[in-house]
Amino acid sequence: MAQRQIEQVQDPVAVAIKRVLEAERTAEVKLANCRRQAEALVAAAREQAAAITQRVDARISKLHTAYFNKVSSEVARLSDVKISTGAAIDGAIDDAKLVEAAQRLAAKLTRGT
């Protein structure tokens, strides 16, 4: 109440300017706090993105390694089959075997329908 009485005695323009300046200071403080919070959120998001990227890269590498190992073992198995059967892979394909293989593949792809 005493503040109001003092303000009434003072020039109303000066009082209005004082209130505006106080409001500006309060707004500046709040704005600075919001900026700090925003910067912290951005930093946390960048850290999360980096962690996700690392996990994705690790999983992709693991997947590539697994497929490489699988392909390598299949190549080795086929090589062993070739050696054990004495079969030569020279590009010559028996027509009957090719037709039979195509039919088996078609049956697998269509699930026998």
PDB file of N, CA and C in Angstrom:
ATOM      1  N   MET A   1       0.816  -1.170   0.000  1.00  0.00           N
ATOM      2  CA  MET A   1       0.000   0.000   0.000  1.00  0.00           C
ATOM      3  C   MET A   1       0.876   1.256   0.000  1.00  0.00           C
ATOM      4  N   ALA A   2       1.952   1.209   0.759  1.00  0.00           N
ATOM      5  CA  ALA A   2       2.850   2.358   0.828  1.00  0.00           C
ATOM      6  C   ALA A   2       3.469   2.612  -0.542  1.00  0.00           C
ATOM      7  N   GLN A   3       3.742   1.525  -1.276  1.00  0.00           N
ATOM      8  CA  GLN A   3       4.321   1.645  -2.615  1.00  0.00           C
ATOM      9  C   GLN A   3       3.360   2.406  -3.529  1.00  0.00           C
ATOM     10  N   ARG A   4       2.078   2.094  -3.430  1.00  0.00           N
ATOM     11  CA  ARG A   4       1.061   2.759  -4.254  1.00  0.00           C
ATOM     12  C   ARG A   4       1.005   4.263  -3.936  1.00  0.00           C
ATOM     13  N   GLN A   5       1.088   4.579  -2.676  1.00  0.00           N
ATOM     14  CA  GLN A   5       1.027   5.992  -2.270  1.00  0.00           C
ATOM     15  C   GLN A   5       2.237   6.740  -2.797  1.00  0.00           C
ATOM     16  N   ILE A   6       3.400   6.069  -2.741  1.00  0.00           N
ATOM     17  CA  ILE A   6       4.616   6.705  -3.266  1.00  0.00           C
ATOM     18  C   ILE A   6       4.475   6.895  -4.768  1.00  0.00           C
ATOM     19  N   GLU A   7       3.919   5.862  -5.449  1.00  0.00           N
ATOM     20  CA  GLU A   7       3.748   5.957  -6.897  1.00  0.00           C
ATOM     21  C   GLU A   7       2.771   7.062  -7.275  1.00  0.00           C
ATOM     22  N   GLN A   8       1.738   7.260  -6.460  1.00  0.00           N
ATOM     23  CA  GLN A   8       0.769   8.304  -6.754  1.00  0.00           C
ATOM     24  C   GLN A   8       1.406   9.682  -6.621  1.00  0.00           C
ATOM     25  N   VAL A   9       2.347   9.828  -5.721  1.00  0.00           N
ATOM     26  CA  VAL A   9       3.032  11.095  -5.527  1.00  0.00           C
ATOM     27  C   VAL A   9       3.987  11.349  -6.686  1.00  0.00           C
ATOM     28  N   GLN A  10       4.597  10.274  -7.197  1.00  0.00           N
ATOM     29  CA  GLN A  10       5.550  10.410  -8.298  1.00  0.00           C
ATOM     30  C   GLN A  10       4.812  10.645  -9.610  1.00  0.00           C
ATOM     31  N   ASP A  11       5.584  11.052 -10.579  1.00  0.00           N
ATOM     32  CA  ASP A  11       5.045  11.283 -11.915  1.00  0.00           C
ATOM     33  C   ASP A  11       4.549   9.960 -12.497  1.00  0.00           C
ATOM     34  N   PRO A  12       3.325   9.886 -12.992  1.00  0.00           N
ATOM     35  CA  PRO A  12       2.790   8.636 -13.533  1.00  0.00           C
ATOM     36  C   PRO A  12       3.601   8.105 -14.707  1.00  0.00           C
ATOM     37  N   VAL A  13       4.183   8.965 -15.481  1.00  0.00           N
ATOM     38  CA  VAL A  13       5.010   8.527 -16.612  1.00  0.00           C
ATOM     39  C   VAL A  13       6.262   7.821 -16.087  1.00  0.00           C
ATOM     40  N   ALA A  14       6.870   8.371 -15.059  1.00  0.00           N
ATOM     41  CA  ALA A  14       8.072   7.766 -14.472  1.00  0.00           C
ATOM     42  C   ALA A  14       7.737   6.408 -13.870  1.00  0.00           C
ATOM     43  N   VAL A  15       6.575   6.321 -13.241  1.00  0.00           N
ATOM     44  CA  VAL A  15       6.154   5.051 -12.655  1.00  0.00           C
ATOM     45  C   VAL A  15       5.937   4.012 -13.761  1.00  0.00           C
ATOM     46  N   ALA A  16       5.303   4.410 -14.852  1.00  0.00           N
ATOM     47  CA  ALA A  16       5.055   3.493 -15.971  1.00  0.00           C
ATOM     48  C   ALA A  16       6.371   3.023 -16.578  1.00  0.00           C
ATOM     49  N   ILE A  17       7.301   3.929 -16.745  1.00  0.00           N
ATOM     50  CA  ILE A  17       8.614   3.570 -17.300  1.00  0.00           C
ATOM     51  C   ILE A  17       9.327   2.600 -16.367  1.00  0.00           C
ATOM     52  N   LYS A  18       9.234   2.853 -15.068  1.00  0.00           N
ATOM     53  CA  LYS A  18       9.867   1.963 -14.089  1.00  0.00           C
ATOM     54  C   LYS A  18       9.271   0.557 -14.190  1.00  0.00           C
ATOM     55  N   ARG A  19       7.959   0.459 -14.321  1.00  0.00           N
ATOM     56  CA  ARG A  19       7.310  -0.854 -14.443  1.00  0.00           C
ATOM     57  C   ARG A  19       7.740  -1.568 -15.734  1.00  0.00           C
ATOM     58  N   VAL A  20       7.824  -0.810 -16.804  1.00  0.00           N
ATOM     59  CA  VAL A  20       8.248  -1.396 -18.084  1.00  0.00           C
ATOM     60  C   VAL A  20       9.673  -1.932 -17.972  1.00  0.00           C
ATOM     61  N   LEU A  21      10.557  -1.153 -17.342  1.00  0.00           N
ATOM     62  CA  LEU A  21      11.951  -1.596 -17.192  1.00  0.00           C
ATOM     63  C   LEU A  21      12.041  -2.856 -16.322  1.00  0.00           C
ATOM     64  N   GLU A  22      11.244  -2.894 -15.255  1.00  0.00           N
ATOM     65  CA  GLU A  22      11.221  -4.098 -14.411  1.00  0.00           C
ATOM     66  C   GLU A  22      10.706  -5.308 -15.196  1.00  0.00           C
ATOM     67  N   ALA A  23       9.663  -5.095 -15.980  1.00  0.00           N
ATOM     68  CA  ALA A  23       9.116  -6.184 -16.798  1.00  0.00           C
ATOM     69  C   ALA A  23      10.152  -6.668 -17.815  1.00  0.00           C
ATOM     70  N   GLU A  24      10.894  -5.732 -18.405  1.00  0.00           N
ATOM     71  CA  GLU A  24      11.949  -6.104 -19.360  1.00  0.00           C
ATOM     72  C   GLU A  24      13.040  -6.932 -18.680  1.00  0.00           C
ATOM     73  N   ARG A  25      13.453  -6.513 -17.471  1.00  0.00           N
ATOM     74  CA  ARG A  25      14.484  -7.264 -16.744  1.00  0.00           C
ATOM     75  C   ARG A  25      13.986  -8.674 -16.431  1.00  0.00           C
ATOM     76  N   THR A  26      12.759  -8.769 -15.990  1.00  0.00           N
ATOM     77  CA  THR A  26      12.181 -10.085 -15.683  1.00  0.00           C
ATOM     78  C   THR A  26      12.125 -10.949 -16.940  1.00  0.00           C
ATOM     79  N   ALA A  27      11.714 -10.337 -18.038  1.00  0.00           N
ATOM     80  CA  ALA A  27      11.638 -11.075 -19.307  1.00  0.00           C
ATOM     81  C   ALA A  27      13.022 -11.519 -19.766  1.00  0.00           C
ATOM     82  N   GLU A  28      14.018 -10.677 -19.603  1.00  0.00           N
ATOM     83  CA  GLU A  28      15.390 -11.035 -19.998  1.00  0.00           C
ATOM     84  C   GLU A  28      15.899 -12.226 -19.190  1.00  0.00           C
ATOM     85  N   VAL A  29      15.619 -12.222 -17.904  1.00  0.00           N
ATOM     86  CA  VAL A  29      16.035 -13.338 -17.045  1.00  0.00           C
ATOM     87  C   VAL A  29      15.348 -14.626 -17.490  1.00  0.00           C
ATOM     88  N   LYS A  30      14.034 -14.538 -17.721  1.00  0.00           N
ATOM     89  CA  LYS A  30      13.291 -15.726 -18.168  1.00  0.00           C
ATOM     90  C   LYS A  30      13.789 -16.207 -19.527  1.00  0.00           C
ATOM     91  N   LEU A  31      14.072 -15.281 -20.423  1.00  0.00           N
ATOM     92  CA  LEU A  31      14.585 -15.637 -21.744  1.00  0.00           C
ATOM     93  C   LEU A  31      15.943 -16.329 -21.643  1.00  0.00           C
ATOM     94  N   ALA A  32      16.803 -15.804 -20.788  1.00  0.00           N
ATOM     95  CA  ALA A  32      18.122 -16.430 -20.593  1.00  0.00           C
ATOM     96  C   ALA A  32      17.965 -17.844 -20.044  1.00  0.00           C
ATOM     97  N   ASN A  33      17.049 -18.018 -19.088  1.00  0.00           N
ATOM     98  CA  ASN A  33      16.799 -19.367 -18.549  1.00  0.00           C
ATOM     99  C   ASN A  33      16.280 -20.307 -19.632  1.00  0.00           C
ATOM    100  N   CYS A  34      15.367 -19.824 -20.456  1.00  0.00           N
ATOM    101  CA  CYS A  34      14.835 -20.650 -21.548  1.00  0.00           C
ATOM    102  C   CYS A  34      15.936 -21.030 -22.535  1.00  0.00           C
ATOM    103  N   ARG A  35      16.817 -20.091 -22.836  1.00  0.00           N
ATOM    104  CA  ARG A  35      17.923 -20.387 -23.759  1.00  0.00           C
ATOM    105  C   ARG A  35      18.840 -21.468 -23.173  1.00  0.00           C
ATOM    106  N   ARG A  36      19.146 -21.350 -21.886  1.00  0.00           N
ATOM    107  CA  ARG A  36      19.995 -22.362 -21.248  1.00  0.00           C
ATOM    108  C   ARG A  36      19.325 -23.731 -21.298  1.00  0.00           C
ATOM    109  N   GLN A  37      18.028 -23.756 -21.004  1.00  0.00           N
ATOM    110  CA  GLN A  37      17.304 -25.027 -21.054  1.00  0.00           C
ATOM    111  C   GLN A  37      17.292 -25.602 -22.473  1.00  0.00           C
ATOM    112  N   ALA A  38      17.084 -24.744 -23.451  1.00  0.00           N
ATOM    113  CA  ALA A  38      17.072 -25.191 -24.846  1.00  0.00           C
ATOM    114  C   ALA A  38      18.441 -25.736 -25.255  1.00  0.00           C
ATOM    115  N   GLU A  39      19.500 -25.059 -24.856  1.00  0.00           N
ATOM    116  CA  GLU A  39      20.853 -25.534 -25.166  1.00  0.00           C
ATOM    117  C   GLU A  39      21.124 -26.890 -24.520  1.00  0.00           C
ATOM    118  N   ALA A  40      20.639 -27.063 -23.304  1.00  0.00           N
ATOM    119  CA  ALA A  40      20.822 -28.349 -22.618  1.00  0.00           C
ATOM    120  C   ALA A  40      20.044 -29.447 -23.341  1.00  0.00           C
ATOM    121  N   LEU A  41      18.835 -29.139 -23.779  1.00  0.00           N
ATOM    122  CA  LEU A  41      18.035 -30.126 -24.522  1.00  0.00           C
ATOM    123  C   LEU A  41      18.710 -30.499 -25.842  1.00  0.00           C
ATOM    124  N   VAL A  42      19.232 -29.510 -26.538  1.00  0.00           N
ATOM    125  CA  VAL A  42      19.918 -29.776 -27.807  1.00  0.00           C
ATOM    126  C   VAL A  42      21.158 -30.638 -27.573  1.00  0.00           C
ATOM    127  N   ALA A  43      21.915 -30.328 -26.530  1.00  0.00           N
ATOM    128  CA  ALA A  43      23.112 -31.117 -26.221  1.00  0.00           C
ATOM    129  C   ALA A  43      22.733 -32.557 -25.885  1.00  0.00           C
ATOM    130  N   ALA A  44      21.683 -32.733 -25.102  1.00  0.00           N
ATOM    131  CA  ALA A  44      21.234 -34.088 -24.752  1.00  0.00           C
ATOM    132  C   ALA A  44      20.761 -34.839 -25.993  1.00  0.00           C
ATOM    133  N   ALA A  45      20.058 -34.152 -26.874  1.00  0.00           N
ATOM    134  CA  ALA A  45      19.582 -34.791 -28.112  1.00  0.00           C
ATOM    135  C   ALA A  45      20.757 -35.199 -28.997  1.00  0.00           C
ATOM    136  N   ARG A  46      21.778 -34.370 -29.058  1.00  0.00           N
ATOM    137  CA  ARG A  46      22.968 -34.709 -29.857  1.00  0.00           C
ATOM    138  C   ARG A  46      23.670 -35.935 -29.279  1.00  0.00           C
ATOM    139  N   GLU A  47      23.745 -36.003 -27.958  1.00  0.00           N
ATOM    140  CA  GLU A  47      24.367 -37.168 -27.323  1.00  0.00           C
ATOM    141  C   GLU A  47      23.563 -38.432 -27.615  1.00  0.00           C
ATOM    142  N   GLN A  48      22.245 -38.326 -27.544  1.00  0.00           N
ATOM    143  CA  GLN A  48      21.394 -39.482 -27.851  1.00  0.00           C
ATOM    144  C   GLN A  48      21.569 -39.907 -29.300  1.00  0.00           C
ATOM    145  N   ALA A  49      21.617 -38.940 -30.206  1.00  0.00           N
ATOM    146  CA  ALA A  49      21.792 -39.256 -31.624  1.00  0.00           C
ATOM    147  C   ALA A  49      23.130 -39.949 -31.868  1.00  0.00           C
ATOM    148  N   ALA A  50      24.169 -39.478 -31.210  1.00  0.00           N
ATOM    149  CA  ALA A  50      25.485 -40.106 -31.355  1.00  0.00           C
ATOM    150  C   ALA A  50      25.467 -41.529 -30.820  1.00  0.00           C
ATOM    151  N   ALA A  51      24.804 -41.747 -29.699  1.00  0.00           N
ATOM    152  CA  ALA A  51      24.715 -43.096 -29.126  1.00  0.00           C
ATOM    153  C   ALA A  51      23.919 -44.022 -30.046  1.00  0.00           C
ATOM    154  N   ILE A  52      22.841 -43.512 -30.608  1.00  0.00           N
ATOM    155  CA  ILE A  52      22.041 -44.317 -31.537  1.00  0.00           C
ATOM    156  C   ILE A  52      22.866 -44.664 -32.770  1.00  0.00           C
ATOM    157  N   THR A  53      23.587 -43.692 -33.281  1.00  0.00           N
ATOM    158  CA  THR A  53      24.427 -43.928 -34.455  1.00  0.00           C
ATOM    159  C   THR A  53      25.479 -44.999 -34.173  1.00  0.00           C
ATOM    160  N   GLN A  54      26.086 -44.960 -33.003  1.00  0.00           N
ATOM    161  CA  GLN A  54      27.083 -45.965 -32.641  1.00  0.00           C
ATOM    162  C   GLN A  54      26.459 -47.352 -32.560  1.00  0.00           C
ATOM    163  N   ARG A  55      25.264 -47.446 -31.956  1.00  0.00           N
ATOM    164  CA  ARG A  55      24.596 -48.750 -31.844  1.00  0.00           C
ATOM    165  C   ARG A  55      24.218 -49.288 -33.218  1.00  0.00           C
ATOM    166  N   VAL A  56      23.719 -48.402 -34.079  1.00  0.00           N
ATOM    167  CA  VAL A  56      23.340 -48.822 -35.430  1.00  0.00           C
ATOM    168  C   VAL A  56      24.567 -49.303 -36.191  1.00  0.00           C
ATOM    169  N   ASP A  57      25.643 -48.547 -36.118  1.00  0.00           N
ATOM    170  CA  ASP A  57      26.879 -48.953 -36.812  1.00  0.00           C
ATOM    171  C   ASP A  57      27.379 -50.303 -36.303  1.00  0.00           C
ATOM    172  N   ALA A  58      27.325 -50.497 -34.996  1.00  0.00           N
ATOM    173  CA  ALA A  58      27.774 -51.773 -34.429  1.00  0.00           C
ATOM    174  C   ALA A  58      26.891 -52.920 -34.909  1.00  0.00           C
ATOM    175  N   ARG A  59      25.577 -52.693 -34.934  1.00  0.00           N
ATOM    176  CA  ARG A  59      24.666 -53.752 -35.391  1.00  0.00           C
ATOM    177  C   ARG A  59      24.848 -54.053 -36.863  1.00  0.00           C
ATOM    178  N   ILE A  60      25.056 -53.026 -37.665  1.00  0.00           N
ATOM    179  CA  ILE A  60      25.295 -53.242 -39.097  1.00  0.00           C
ATOM    180  C   ILE A  60      26.582 -54.030 -39.294  1.00  0.00           C
ATOM    181  N   SER A  61      27.622 -53.664 -38.568  1.00  0.00           N
ATOM    182  CA  SER A  61      28.894 -54.390 -38.682  1.00  0.00           C
ATOM    183  C   SER A  61      28.724 -55.851 -38.264  1.00  0.00           C
ATOM    184  N   LYS A  62      27.980 -56.075 -37.195  1.00  0.00           N
ATOM    185  CA  LYS A  62      27.735 -57.441 -36.723  1.00  0.00           C
ATOM    186  C   LYS A  62      26.966 -58.240 -37.779  1.00  0.00           C
ATOM    187  N   LEU A  63      25.982 -57.607 -38.384  1.00  0.00           N
ATOM    188  CA  LEU A  63      25.191 -58.257 -39.428  1.00  0.00           C
ATOM    189  C   LEU A  63      26.055 -58.572 -40.644  1.00  0.00           C
ATOM    190  N   HIS A  64      26.875 -57.621 -41.058  1.00  0.00           N
ATOM    191  CA  HIS A  64      27.772 -57.858 -42.196  1.00  0.00           C
ATOM    192  C   HIS A  64      28.731 -59.010 -41.903  1.00  0.00           C
ATOM    193  N   THR A  65      29.263 -59.022 -40.708  1.00  0.00           N
ATOM    194  CA  THR A  65      30.180 -60.096 -40.320  1.00  0.00           C
ATOM    195  C   THR A  65      29.472 -61.443 -40.338  1.00  0.00           C
ATOM    196  N   ALA A  66      28.251 -61.485 -39.824  1.00  0.00           N
ATOM    197  CA  ALA A  66      27.497 -62.747 -39.801  1.00  0.00           C
ATOM    198  C   ALA A  66      27.230 -63.235 -41.220  1.00  0.00           C
ATOM    199  N   TYR A  67      26.817 -62.330 -42.101  1.00  0.00           N
ATOM    200  CA  TYR A  67      26.565 -62.745 -43.485  1.00  0.00           C
ATOM    201  C   TYR A  67      27.850 -63.142 -44.199  1.00  0.00           C
ATOM    202  N   PHE A  68      28.922 -62.425 -43.936  1.00  0.00           N
ATOM    203  CA  PHE A  68      30.197 -62.798 -44.547  1.00  0.00           C
ATOM    204  C   PHE A  68      30.606 -64.196 -44.103  1.00  0.00           C
ATOM    205  N   ASN A  69      30.470 -64.467 -42.803  1.00  0.00           N
ATOM    206  CA  ASN A  69      30.816 -65.792 -42.286  1.00  0.00           C
ATOM    207  C   ASN A  69      29.923 -66.869 -42.887  1.00  0.00           C
ATOM    208  N   LYS A  70      28.634 -66.583 -43.024  1.00  0.00           N
ATOM    209  CA  LYS A  70      27.713 -67.552 -43.606  1.00  0.00           C
ATOM    210  C   LYS A  70      28.069 -67.831 -45.061  1.00  0.00           C
ATOM    211  N   VAL A  71      28.312 -66.780 -45.821  1.00  0.00           N
ATOM    212  CA  VAL A  71      28.675 -66.963 -47.232  1.00  0.00           C
ATOM    213  C   VAL A  71      30.000 -67.723 -47.336  1.00  0.00           C
ATOM    214  N   SER A  72      30.949 -67.365 -46.489  1.00  0.00           N
ATOM    215  CA  SER A  72      32.247 -68.058 -46.514  1.00  0.00           C
ATOM    216  C   SER A  72      32.091 -69.543 -46.195  1.00  0.00           C
ATOM    217  N   SER A  73      31.260 -69.855 -45.193  1.00  0.00           N
ATOM    218  CA  SER A  73      31.076 -71.266 -44.848  1.00  0.00           C
ATOM    219  C   SER A  73      30.342 -72.009 -45.950  1.00  0.00           C
ATOM    220  N   GLU A  74      29.396 -71.364 -46.603  1.00  0.00           N
ATOM    221  CA  GLU A  74      28.697 -72.013 -47.723  1.00  0.00           C
ATOM    222  C   GLU A  74      29.640 -72.236 -48.902  1.00  0.00           C
ATOM    223  N   VAL A  75      30.494 -71.295 -49.172  1.00  0.00           N
ATOM    224  CA  VAL A  75      31.482 -71.461 -50.249  1.00  0.00           C
ATOM    225  C   VAL A  75      32.411 -72.625 -49.908  1.00  0.00           C
ATOM    226  N   ALA A  76      32.850 -72.687 -48.662  1.00  0.00           N
ATOM    227  CA  ALA A  76      33.726 -73.786 -48.236  1.00  0.00           C
ATOM    228  C   ALA A  76      32.992 -75.117 -48.336  1.00  0.00           C
ATOM    229  N   ARG A  77      31.704 -75.132 -47.937  1.00  0.00           N
ATOM    230  CA  ARG A  77      30.921 -76.366 -48.013  1.00  0.00           C
ATOM    231  C   ARG A  77      30.771 -76.815 -49.465  1.00  0.00           C
ATOM    232  N   LEU A  78      30.473 -75.875 -50.345  1.00  0.00           N
ATOM    233  CA  LEU A  78      30.333 -76.227 -51.759  1.00  0.00           C
ATOM    234  C   LEU A  78      31.659 -76.718 -52.334  1.00  0.00           C
ATOM    235  N   SER A  79      32.736 -76.104 -51.885  1.00  0.00           N
ATOM    236  CA  SER A  79      34.060 -76.543 -52.332  1.00  0.00           C
ATOM    237  C   SER A  79      34.333 -77.969 -51.867  1.00  0.00           C
ATOM    238  N   ASP A  80      33.942 -78.266 -50.603  1.00  0.00           N
ATOM    239  CA  ASP A  80      34.111 -79.616 -50.080  1.00  0.00           C
ATOM    240  C   ASP A  80      33.263 -80.622 -50.852  1.00  0.00           C
ATOM    241  N   VAL A  81      32.035 -80.226 -51.194  1.00  0.00           N
ATOM    242  CA  VAL A  81      31.150 -81.110 -51.966  1.00  0.00           C
ATOM    243  C   VAL A  81      31.769 -81.376 -53.325  1.00  0.00           C
ATOM    244  N   LYS A  82      32.297 -80.360 -53.940  1.00  0.00           N
ATOM    245  CA  LYS A  82      32.922 -80.510 -55.252  1.00  0.00           C
ATOM    246  C   LYS A  82      34.099 -81.484 -55.165  1.00  0.00           C
ATOM    247  N   ILE A  83      34.909 -81.311 -54.108  1.00  0.00           N
ATOM    248  CA  ILE A  83      36.076 -82.181 -53.953  1.00  0.00           C
ATOM    249  C   ILE A  83      35.636 -83.616 -53.662  1.00  0.00           C
ATOM    250  N   SER A  84      34.641 -83.785 -52.801  1.00  0.00           N
ATOM    251  CA  SER A  84      34.228 -85.141 -52.424  1.00  0.00           C
ATOM    252  C   SER A  84      33.504 -85.871 -53.541  1.00  0.00           C
ATOM    253  N   THR A  85      32.783 -85.154 -54.381  1.00  0.00           N
ATOM    254  CA  THR A  85      32.058 -85.826 -55.474  1.00  0.00           C
ATOM    255  C   THR A  85      32.866 -85.853 -56.747  1.00  0.00           C
ATOM    256  N   GLY A  86      33.900 -85.061 -56.785  1.00  0.00           N
ATOM    257  CA  GLY A  86      34.717 -85.000 -57.992  1.00  0.00           C
ATOM    258  C   GLY A  86      34.025 -84.229 -59.102  1.00  0.00           C
ATOM    259  N   ALA A  87      32.954 -83.529 -58.764  1.00  0.00           N
ATOM    260  CA  ALA A  87      32.213 -82.777 -59.769  1.00  0.00           C
ATOM    261  C   ALA A  87      33.000 -81.539 -60.168  1.00  0.00           C
ATOM    262  N   ALA A  88      32.952 -81.262 -61.413  1.00  0.00           N
ATOM    263  CA  ALA A  88      33.647 -80.087 -61.937  1.00  0.00           C
ATOM    264  C   ALA A  88      32.616 -79.011 -62.232  1.00  0.00           C
ATOM    265  N   ILE A  89      32.917 -77.842 -61.818  1.00  0.00           N
ATOM    266  CA  ILE A  89      32.040 -76.728 -62.149  1.00  0.00           C
ATOM    267  C   ILE A  89      32.699 -75.997 -63.304  1.00  0.00           C
ATOM    268  N   ASP A  90      32.243 -76.355 -64.491  1.00  0.00           N
ATOM    269  CA  ASP A  90      32.866 -75.773 -65.679  1.00  0.00           C
ATOM    270  C   ASP A  90      31.869 -74.950 -66.485  1.00  0.00           C
ATOM    271  N   GLY A  91      30.699 -74.743 -65.969  1.00  0.00           N
ATOM    272  CA  GLY A  91      29.712 -73.952 -66.673  1.00  0.00           C
ATOM    273  C   GLY A  91      28.748 -74.801 -67.475  1.00  0.00           C
ATOM    274  N   ALA A  92      29.051 -76.068 -67.654  1.00  0.00           N
ATOM    275  CA  ALA A  92      28.158 -76.940 -68.396  1.00  0.00           C
ATOM    276  C   ALA A  92      27.054 -77.420 -67.462  1.00  0.00           C
ATOM    277  N   ILE A  93      25.815 -77.226 -67.868  1.00  0.00           N
ATOM    278  CA  ILE A  93      24.684 -77.601 -67.037  1.00  0.00           C
ATOM    279  C   ILE A  93      23.833 -78.608 -67.801  1.00  0.00           C
ATOM    280  N   ASP A  94      23.504 -79.653 -67.125  1.00  0.00           N
ATOM    281  CA  ASP A  94      22.631 -80.676 -67.692  1.00  0.00           C
ATOM    282  C   ASP A  94      21.227 -80.088 -67.779  1.00  0.00           C
ATOM    283  N   ASP A  95      20.603 -80.167 -68.955  1.00  0.00           N
ATOM    284  CA  ASP A  95      19.279 -79.579 -69.140  1.00  0.00           C
ATOM    285  C   ASP A  95      18.245 -80.197 -68.203  1.00  0.00           C
ATOM    286  N   ALA A  96      18.292 -81.482 -68.011  1.00  0.00           N
ATOM    287  CA  ALA A  96      17.316 -82.142 -67.136  1.00  0.00           C
ATOM    288  C   ALA A  96      17.479 -81.658 -65.691  1.00  0.00           C
ATOM    289  N   LYS A  97      18.720 -81.509 -65.250  1.00  0.00           N
ATOM    290  CA  LYS A  97      18.959 -81.029 -63.890  1.00  0.00           C
ATOM    291  C   LYS A  97      18.507 -79.581 -63.749  1.00  0.00           C
ATOM    292  N   LEU A  98      18.700 -78.800 -64.810  1.00  0.00           N
ATOM    293  CA  LEU A  98      18.282 -77.397 -64.773  1.00  0.00           C
ATOM    294  C   LEU A  98      16.757 -77.297 -64.656  1.00  0.00           C
ATOM    295  N   VAL A  99      16.032 -78.101 -65.438  1.00  0.00           N
ATOM    296  CA  VAL A  99      14.574 -78.101 -65.380  1.00  0.00           C
ATOM    297  C   VAL A  99      14.106 -78.544 -63.993  1.00  0.00           C
ATOM    298  N   GLU A 100      14.730 -79.588 -63.472  1.00  0.00           N
ATOM    299  CA  GLU A 100      14.365 -80.097 -62.142  1.00  0.00           C
ATOM    300  C   GLU A 100      14.616 -79.033 -61.070  1.00  0.00           C
ATOM    301  N   ALA A 101      15.733 -78.352 -61.151  1.00  0.00           N
ATOM    302  CA  ALA A 101      16.054 -77.303 -60.180  1.00  0.00           C
ATOM    303  C   ALA A 101      15.065 -76.142 -60.288  1.00  0.00           C
ATOM    304  N   ALA A 102      14.709 -75.767 -61.507  1.00  0.00           N
ATOM    305  CA  ALA A 102      13.742 -74.687 -61.715  1.00  0.00           C
ATOM    306  C   ALA A 102      12.384 -75.062 -61.130  1.00  0.00           C
ATOM    307  N   GLN A 103      11.983 -76.322 -61.303  1.00  0.00           N
ATOM    308  CA  GLN A 103      10.700 -76.781 -60.756  1.00  0.00           C
ATOM    309  C   GLN A 103      10.722 -76.759 -59.220  1.00  0.00           C
ATOM    310  N   ARG A 104      11.826 -77.190 -58.636  1.00  0.00           N
ATOM    311  CA  ARG A 104      11.933 -77.162 -57.174  1.00  0.00           C
ATOM    312  C   ARG A 104      11.879 -75.717 -56.656  1.00  0.00           C
ATOM    313  N   LEU A 105      12.578 -74.830 -57.343  1.00  0.00           N
ATOM    314  CA  LEU A 105      12.571 -73.425 -56.955  1.00  0.00           C
ATOM    315  C   LEU A 105      11.173 -72.837 -57.075  1.00  0.00           C
ATOM    316  N   ALA A 106      10.486 -73.130 -58.178  1.00  0.00           N
ATOM    317  CA  ALA A 106       9.131 -72.617 -58.364  1.00  0.00           C
ATOM    318  C   ALA A 106       8.210 -73.149 -57.274  1.00  0.00           C
ATOM    319  N   ALA A 107       8.365 -74.412 -56.903  1.00  0.00           N
ATOM    320  CA  ALA A 107       7.535 -74.995 -55.848  1.00  0.00           C
ATOM    321  C   ALA A 107       7.804 -74.312 -54.513  1.00  0.00           C
ATOM    322  N   LYS A 108       9.072 -74.020 -54.235  1.00  0.00           N
ATOM    323  CA  LYS A 108       9.381 -73.326 -52.985  1.00  0.00           C
ATOM    324  C   LYS A 108       8.839 -71.896 -52.987  1.00  0.00           C
ATOM    325  N   LEU A 109       8.970 -71.216 -54.102  1.00  0.00           N
ATOM    326  CA  LEU A 109       8.512 -69.831 -54.172  1.00  0.00           C
ATOM    327  C   LEU A 109       7.002 -69.720 -54.088  1.00  0.00           C
ATOM    328  N   THR A 110       6.301 -70.694 -54.651  1.00  0.00           N
ATOM    329  CA  THR A 110       4.834 -70.645 -54.623  1.00  0.00           C
ATOM    330  C   THR A 110       4.259 -71.494 -53.506  1.00  0.00           C
ATOM    331  N   ARG A 111       5.154 -72.107 -52.742  1.00  0.00           N
ATOM    332  CA  ARG A 111       4.763 -72.983 -51.633  1.00  0.00           C
ATOM    333  C   ARG A 111       3.847 -74.117 -52.112  1.00  0.00           C
ATOM    334  N   GLY A 112       4.137 -74.579 -53.327  1.00  0.00           N
ATOM    335  CA  GLY A 112       3.438 -75.745 -53.857  1.00  0.00           C
ATOM    336  C   GLY A 112       2.048 -75.446 -54.385  1.00  0.00           C
ATOM    337  N   THR A 113       1.707 -74.160 -54.521  1.00  0.00           N
ATOM    338  CA  THR A 113       0.348 -73.834 -55.012  1.00  0.00           C
ATOM    339  C   THR A 113       0.318 -73.705 -56.509  1.00  0.00           C
TER     340      THR A 113
END
